[in-house]
């Protein structure tokens, strides 16, 4: 039956995660040539051992929040061996007493509406080779005869809104082989797994723990300000800012953003969806909205401190206003 098969697929997925040859993540043409073979994930969840081996950065990899792009760019700054990155809980970065194994802990946030829209597009298009293998075994890839994923974003949201599939499971244990759209960003900050993947799919999130853990990050980025985020990380890690980090300089335009899209392309956005669909997304991401707004506020303060440190303007007024608008319409 589907349940037994999904469990088998999930176990096989985790087995592949333990093999360094299983998940070489090849990015699209936009990736910097020097980073073509950077592993997006760490392939095991032993964060303590990774830190003991010399890793200094814990990257909380939330799916569809520019995770692989961040790993690429951080690797160019400090080397991939110095980074732990995987789809686990923030709790995996610390011991039972709350002490971090790592010098730095980093995460990115994304406007919740856009985040949920991107989840569906990934599953509907199924461009990623690894996803095709595992989801295909569950008949969860578009075009397969028993493909269960609704054929539009609106139908998918309506289905989840009416009959949510709450529980603890991976994407490959979901009945449709897709992500849980309920508060994923907050859940990854609040969940308690320390030696495996994040599994939490629930209506509510611990909004005491999630913001506190967000505050524990030493590097916080915003997907909608990716360029500025990488400048912030560069200044923090390397103690300098490239010329392309001055938003008032012509050199700003020379920045080449890393965009690892897993191959999916779509023309519509969440803003093209009917108001009732958008409202349902908002209903399902109330905790994520809290996290996103707090993160944007913190991000702006962090950038201001970096600007003061280097006497360089990183976040110009137009982009700052766009971020405030995104946070207000999260």
Protein backbone atom coordinates (compact mmCIF):
# COMPACT_ATOMS: atom_id res chain seq x y z
CA UNK A 1 0.00 0.00 0.00
CA UNK A 2 0.97 3.65 -0.31
CA UNK A 3 1.85 4.02 3.37
CA UNK A 4 4.29 1.09 3.36
CA UNK A 5 5.82 2.25 0.08
CA UNK A 6 6.23 5.80 1.34
CA UNK A 7 8.01 4.55 4.46
CA UNK A 8 10.32 2.43 2.31
CA UNK A 9 11.03 5.38 0.03
CA UNK A 10 11.71 7.62 3.01
CA UNK A 11 14.17 5.10 4.44
CA UNK A 12 15.87 4.80 1.05
CA UNK A 13 16.04 8.60 0.87
CA UNK A 14 17.74 8.80 4.26
CA UNK A 15 20.11 6.02 3.22
CA UNK A 16 21.09 8.06 0.18
CA UNK A 17 21.67 11.05 2.42
CA UNK A 18 24.40 9.05 4.13
CA UNK A 19 26.33 8.52 0.92
CA UNK A 20 28.61 11.31 -0.25
CA UNK A 21 28.24 10.16 -3.85
CA UNK A 22 24.45 10.15 -3.86
CA UNK A 23 23.64 13.84 -3.84
CA UNK A 24 26.16 15.83 -5.84
CA UNK A 25 24.08 18.87 -6.48
CA UNK A 26 24.71 20.37 -9.90
CA UNK A 27 23.35 23.87 -10.27
CA UNK A 28 22.04 25.68 -13.34
CA UNK A 29 24.27 27.74 -15.60
CA UNK A 30 23.99 30.77 -13.33
CA UNK A 31 26.15 29.14 -10.68
CA UNK A 32 29.70 30.36 -10.46
CA UNK A 33 31.91 27.92 -12.32
CA UNK A 34 34.14 27.31 -9.29
CA UNK A 35 31.15 26.07 -7.29
CA UNK A 36 29.68 23.55 -9.76
CA UNK A 37 30.19 20.52 -7.53
CA UNK A 38 29.36 21.95 -4.13
CA UNK A 39 27.18 19.61 -2.12
CA UNK A 40 23.96 21.29 -1.13
CA UNK A 41 23.39 19.00 1.87
CA UNK A 42 25.74 17.40 4.34
CA UNK A 43 24.44 13.87 3.81
CA UNK A 44 24.31 13.04 7.50
CA UNK A 45 22.96 14.77 10.57
CA UNK A 46 25.84 14.43 13.02
CA UNK A 47 26.32 18.13 13.65
CA UNK A 48 28.51 17.59 16.71
CA UNK A 49 30.97 15.51 14.69
CA UNK A 50 30.98 18.02 11.84
CA UNK A 51 31.78 20.84 14.26
CA UNK A 52 34.52 18.73 15.89
CA UNK A 53 35.99 18.19 12.43
CA UNK A 54 36.37 21.94 11.97
CA UNK A 55 33.04 23.24 10.69
CA UNK A 56 32.30 26.69 12.09
CA UNK A 57 28.98 27.48 10.40
CA UNK A 58 25.60 25.80 10.91
CA UNK A 59 23.22 26.58 8.05
CA UNK A 60 19.57 25.86 8.78
CA UNK A 61 18.46 24.71 5.35
CA UNK A 62 14.75 25.37 4.97
CA UNK A 63 13.49 24.07 1.60
CA UNK A 64 12.64 26.71 -1.02
CA UNK A 65 14.37 29.54 0.87
CA UNK A 66 17.50 29.84 -1.33
CA UNK A 67 19.30 27.18 0.71
CA UNK A 68 21.49 25.71 -2.02
CA UNK A 69 22.42 29.15 -3.31
CA UNK A 70 23.50 30.16 0.19
CA UNK A 71 25.64 27.04 0.56
CA UNK A 72 27.32 27.89 -2.74
CA UNK A 73 28.08 31.44 -1.70
CA UNK A 74 29.19 30.60 1.83
CA UNK A 75 31.45 27.89 0.39
CA UNK A 76 33.10 30.45 -1.84
CA UNK A 77 33.74 32.60 1.24
CA UNK A 78 35.02 30.00 3.71
CA UNK A 79 35.11 26.59 2.00
CA UNK A 80 32.45 23.87 2.05
CA UNK A 81 34.20 21.86 4.79
CA UNK A 82 33.56 24.69 7.24
CA UNK A 83 29.78 24.50 6.77
CA UNK A 84 27.10 22.15 8.00
CA UNK A 85 23.90 22.38 5.97
CA UNK A 86 20.88 20.11 5.94
CA UNK A 87 17.11 20.08 6.25
CA UNK A 88 17.01 19.56 10.00
CA UNK A 89 15.85 21.56 13.03
CA UNK A 90 17.71 24.50 14.54
CA UNK A 91 17.96 22.38 17.69
CA UNK A 92 20.53 20.21 15.89
CA UNK A 93 23.03 23.08 16.14
CA UNK A 94 23.37 22.82 19.93
CA UNK A 95 23.79 20.45 22.83
CA UNK A 96 21.23 19.58 25.51
CA UNK A 97 22.22 22.69 27.47
CA UNK A 98 21.58 24.99 24.52
CA UNK A 99 25.26 25.62 23.77
CA UNK A 100 26.04 25.91 20.07
CA UNK A 101 28.50 23.53 18.47
CA UNK A 102 29.30 26.23 15.92
CA UNK A 103 30.79 29.71 15.95
CA UNK A 104 28.11 30.95 13.56
CA UNK A 105 24.55 29.89 12.87
CA UNK A 106 22.84 31.17 9.74
CA UNK A 107 19.38 31.00 8.23
CA UNK A 108 17.41 32.70 5.51
CA UNK A 109 13.77 33.74 5.56
CA UNK A 110 11.32 34.27 2.71
CA UNK A 111 7.94 35.98 2.47
CA UNK A 112 5.55 33.16 3.46
CA UNK A 113 3.18 33.67 0.54
CA UNK A 114 6.00 33.31 -1.97
CA UNK A 115 7.49 30.43 -0.02
CA UNK A 116 4.32 28.33 -0.17
CA UNK A 117 3.82 29.15 -3.86
CA UNK A 118 7.36 27.97 -4.57
CA UNK A 119 6.78 24.68 -2.73
CA UNK A 120 3.92 23.78 -5.04
CA UNK A 121 5.80 24.81 -8.19
CA UNK A 122 8.70 22.56 -7.23
CA UNK A 123 6.43 19.54 -6.77
CA UNK A 124 4.25 20.26 -9.81
CA UNK A 125 7.16 20.74 -12.20
CA UNK A 126 9.34 18.04 -10.60
CA UNK A 127 12.50 19.19 -12.43
CA UNK A 128 14.97 18.03 -9.80
CA UNK A 129 16.49 14.62 -10.73
CA UNK A 130 16.60 13.39 -7.14
CA UNK A 131 12.97 14.35 -6.57
CA UNK A 132 11.97 12.57 -9.78
CA UNK A 133 13.52 9.33 -8.52
CA UNK A 134 11.90 9.27 -5.10
CA UNK A 135 8.59 10.96 -5.90
CA UNK A 136 8.33 8.91 -9.08
CA UNK A 137 8.39 5.70 -7.05
CA UNK A 138 5.29 7.03 -5.26
CA UNK A 139 3.53 7.95 -8.53
CA UNK A 140 3.85 11.56 -7.35
CA UNK A 141 5.34 13.08 -10.51
CA UNK A 142 3.22 15.01 -12.99
CA UNK A 143 2.22 12.82 -15.92
CA UNK A 144 2.19 9.54 -14.03
CA UNK A 145 -1.12 7.70 -14.15
CA UNK A 146 -1.85 7.88 -10.43
CA UNK A 147 -0.31 11.29 -9.83
CA UNK A 148 -2.13 12.61 -6.73
CA UNK A 149 -1.00 16.25 -6.63
CA UNK A 150 -3.79 18.68 -7.59
CA UNK A 151 -3.22 20.26 -10.99
CA UNK A 152 -3.38 23.87 -9.78
CA UNK A 153 -1.96 25.77 -6.84
CA UNK A 154 -5.44 26.90 -5.82
CA UNK A 155 -6.73 23.33 -5.65
CA UNK A 156 -3.70 22.25 -3.62
CA UNK A 157 -4.20 25.05 -1.11
CA UNK A 158 -7.94 24.40 -0.90
CA UNK A 159 -7.28 20.72 -0.23
CA UNK A 160 -4.78 21.45 2.56
CA UNK A 161 -7.02 24.15 4.03
CA UNK A 162 -10.00 21.79 4.22
CA UNK A 163 -8.20 18.56 5.16
CA UNK A 164 -4.68 19.22 6.49
CA UNK A 165 -2.38 16.22 6.79
CA UNK A 166 -0.73 17.08 10.09
CA UNK A 167 1.94 14.79 11.45
CA UNK A 168 5.67 14.10 11.54
CA UNK A 169 6.96 12.97 8.15
CA UNK A 170 9.25 13.88 5.26
CA UNK A 171 8.21 15.07 1.82
CA UNK A 172 8.49 11.49 0.57
CA UNK A 173 6.04 10.25 3.19
CA UNK A 174 3.40 12.79 2.19
CA UNK A 175 0.41 11.33 0.37
CA UNK A 176 1.16 13.57 -2.62
CA UNK A 177 4.94 13.61 -2.36
CA UNK A 178 5.03 17.32 -1.61
CA UNK A 179 5.83 19.75 1.19
CA UNK A 180 3.67 20.72 4.14
CA UNK A 181 2.58 24.35 3.56
CA UNK A 182 1.87 25.07 7.22
CA UNK A 183 4.45 27.38 8.85
CA UNK A 184 7.55 25.56 7.66
CA UNK A 185 9.98 28.37 8.46
CA UNK A 186 8.83 28.77 12.04
CA UNK A 187 8.63 25.00 12.48
CA UNK A 188 12.28 24.50 11.49
CA UNK A 189 13.30 27.02 14.12
CA UNK A 190 11.11 25.47 16.82
CA UNK A 191 11.25 21.71 16.21
CA UNK A 192 13.39 19.53 18.46
CA UNK A 193 15.03 16.89 16.23
CA UNK A 194 18.79 16.81 16.78
CA UNK A 195 19.92 13.79 14.80
CA UNK A 196 17.73 13.61 11.73
CA UNK A 197 15.55 15.52 9.28
CA UNK A 198 12.89 18.00 10.35
CA UNK A 199 9.53 16.24 10.28
CA UNK A 200 7.10 18.70 11.85
CA UNK A 201 3.87 19.48 10.02
CA UNK A 202 1.42 21.00 12.48
CA UNK A 203 -1.10 23.81 12.57
CA UNK A 204 0.64 25.66 15.38
CA UNK A 205 4.28 26.33 16.19
CA UNK A 206 5.96 27.16 19.49
CA UNK A 207 6.18 30.93 19.11
CA UNK A 208 8.28 31.24 22.22
CA UNK A 209 11.01 28.92 20.98
CA UNK A 210 11.06 29.92 17.31
CA UNK A 211 11.76 33.66 17.81
CA UNK A 212 14.31 32.90 20.51
CA UNK A 213 16.18 30.59 18.17
CA UNK A 214 15.95 33.16 15.39
CA UNK A 215 17.66 35.59 17.77
CA UNK A 216 20.44 33.04 18.29
CA UNK A 217 21.50 33.20 14.65
CA UNK A 218 24.65 35.21 14.06
CA UNK A 219 23.87 35.65 10.36
CA UNK A 220 20.32 36.23 9.16
CA UNK A 221 19.42 36.78 5.52
CA UNK A 222 16.28 37.60 3.56
CA UNK A 223 15.64 35.91 0.23
CA UNK A 224 14.02 39.08 -1.17
CA UNK A 225 17.29 40.89 -0.44
CA UNK A 226 19.70 38.15 -1.43
CA UNK A 227 22.41 40.49 -2.74
CA UNK A 228 22.38 42.51 0.47
CA UNK A 229 22.31 39.32 2.55
CA UNK A 230 25.47 37.97 0.94
CA UNK A 231 27.20 41.30 1.54
CA UNK A 232 26.17 41.09 5.19
CA UNK A 233 27.59 37.55 5.42
CA UNK A 234 30.79 38.57 3.62
CA UNK A 235 31.41 41.41 6.04
CA UNK A 236 30.71 39.18 9.04
CA UNK A 237 32.89 36.26 7.91
CA UNK A 238 35.73 37.96 6.06
CA UNK A 239 35.86 41.42 7.62
CA UNK A 240 35.57 43.23 4.31
CA UNK A 241 33.03 44.25 1.69
CA UNK A 242 33.49 43.84 -2.08
CA UNK A 243 32.87 46.86 -4.29
CA UNK A 244 29.55 45.35 -5.41
CA UNK A 245 28.24 45.79 -1.86
CA UNK A 246 27.97 49.57 -2.21
CA UNK A 247 24.43 50.14 -3.47
CA UNK A 248 25.31 53.74 -4.36
CA UNK A 249 28.16 52.67 -6.64
CA UNK A 250 28.03 51.52 -10.30
CA UNK A 251 29.88 48.41 -9.09
CA UNK A 252 26.63 47.26 -7.44
CA UNK A 253 25.39 46.09 -10.84
CA UNK A 254 28.42 43.84 -11.30
CA UNK A 255 27.20 41.40 -8.64
CA UNK A 256 26.33 38.00 -10.07
CA UNK A 257 23.67 36.41 -7.91
CA UNK A 258 23.74 32.66 -7.41
CA UNK A 259 20.34 31.24 -8.31
CA UNK A 260 19.97 27.55 -7.72
CA UNK A 261 16.36 27.00 -8.77
CA UNK A 262 16.51 23.19 -9.04
CA UNK A 263 15.44 23.73 -12.64
CA UNK A 264 11.89 24.96 -12.07
CA UNK A 265 10.59 27.97 -13.95
CA UNK A 266 7.17 29.58 -13.67
CA UNK A 267 5.68 32.83 -14.86
CA UNK A 268 2.91 33.37 -12.34
CA UNK A 269 3.39 34.54 -8.76
CA UNK A 270 1.31 34.27 -5.64
CA UNK A 271 0.09 37.81 -6.34
CA UNK A 272 -1.64 36.47 -9.48
CA UNK A 273 -3.76 34.10 -7.41
CA UNK A 274 -7.39 34.84 -6.43
CA UNK A 275 -7.81 36.67 -3.11
CA UNK A 276 -9.51 33.70 -1.45
CA UNK A 277 -6.51 31.47 -2.25
CA UNK A 278 -4.09 34.05 -0.89
CA UNK A 279 -6.17 34.34 2.27
CA UNK A 280 -6.00 30.58 2.80
CA UNK A 281 -2.22 30.72 2.45
CA UNK A 282 -2.17 33.49 5.04
CA UNK A 283 -4.30 31.33 7.34
CA UNK A 284 -1.76 28.51 7.05
CA UNK A 285 1.30 30.68 7.62
CA UNK A 286 0.40 32.84 10.60
CA UNK A 287 3.47 31.74 12.56
CA UNK A 288 5.73 32.21 9.56
CA UNK A 289 4.42 35.76 9.17
CA UNK A 290 5.49 36.50 12.74
CA UNK A 291 8.96 35.10 12.06
CA UNK A 292 9.32 36.88 8.72
CA UNK A 293 8.38 40.30 10.09
CA UNK A 294 10.76 39.91 13.02
CA UNK A 295 13.50 38.71 10.71
CA UNK A 296 13.14 41.64 8.31
CA UNK A 297 13.36 44.08 11.21
CA UNK A 298 16.45 42.33 12.57
CA UNK A 299 18.00 42.13 9.09
CA UNK A 300 17.66 45.88 8.53
CA UNK A 301 19.30 46.57 11.90
CA UNK A 302 22.14 44.16 11.10
CA UNK A 303 22.72 45.83 7.74
CA UNK A 304 22.72 49.27 9.36
CA UNK A 305 25.39 48.11 11.79
CA UNK A 306 27.47 46.73 8.91
CA UNK A 307 27.05 49.98 6.99
CA UNK A 308 28.27 51.92 9.99
CA UNK A 309 31.23 49.60 10.39
CA UNK A 310 32.42 49.97 6.79
CA UNK A 311 30.98 53.41 5.97
CA UNK A 312 29.27 51.92 2.92
CA UNK A 313 25.61 51.93 1.94
CA UNK A 314 24.43 48.33 1.47
CA UNK A 315 20.65 48.71 1.65
CA UNK A 316 19.40 51.65 -0.40
CA UNK A 317 16.08 53.32 0.36
CA UNK A 318 14.08 51.76 -2.48
CA UNK A 319 15.04 48.23 -1.46
CA UNK A 320 14.46 49.02 2.20
CA UNK A 321 10.92 50.19 1.36
CA UNK A 322 10.28 47.03 -0.67
CA UNK A 323 11.30 44.91 2.30
CA UNK A 324 8.94 46.79 4.59
CA UNK A 325 6.15 46.27 2.04
CA UNK A 326 6.94 42.55 1.79
CA UNK A 327 6.85 42.21 5.57
CA UNK A 328 3.54 44.06 5.77
CA UNK A 329 2.03 41.77 3.11
CA UNK A 330 3.67 38.57 4.27
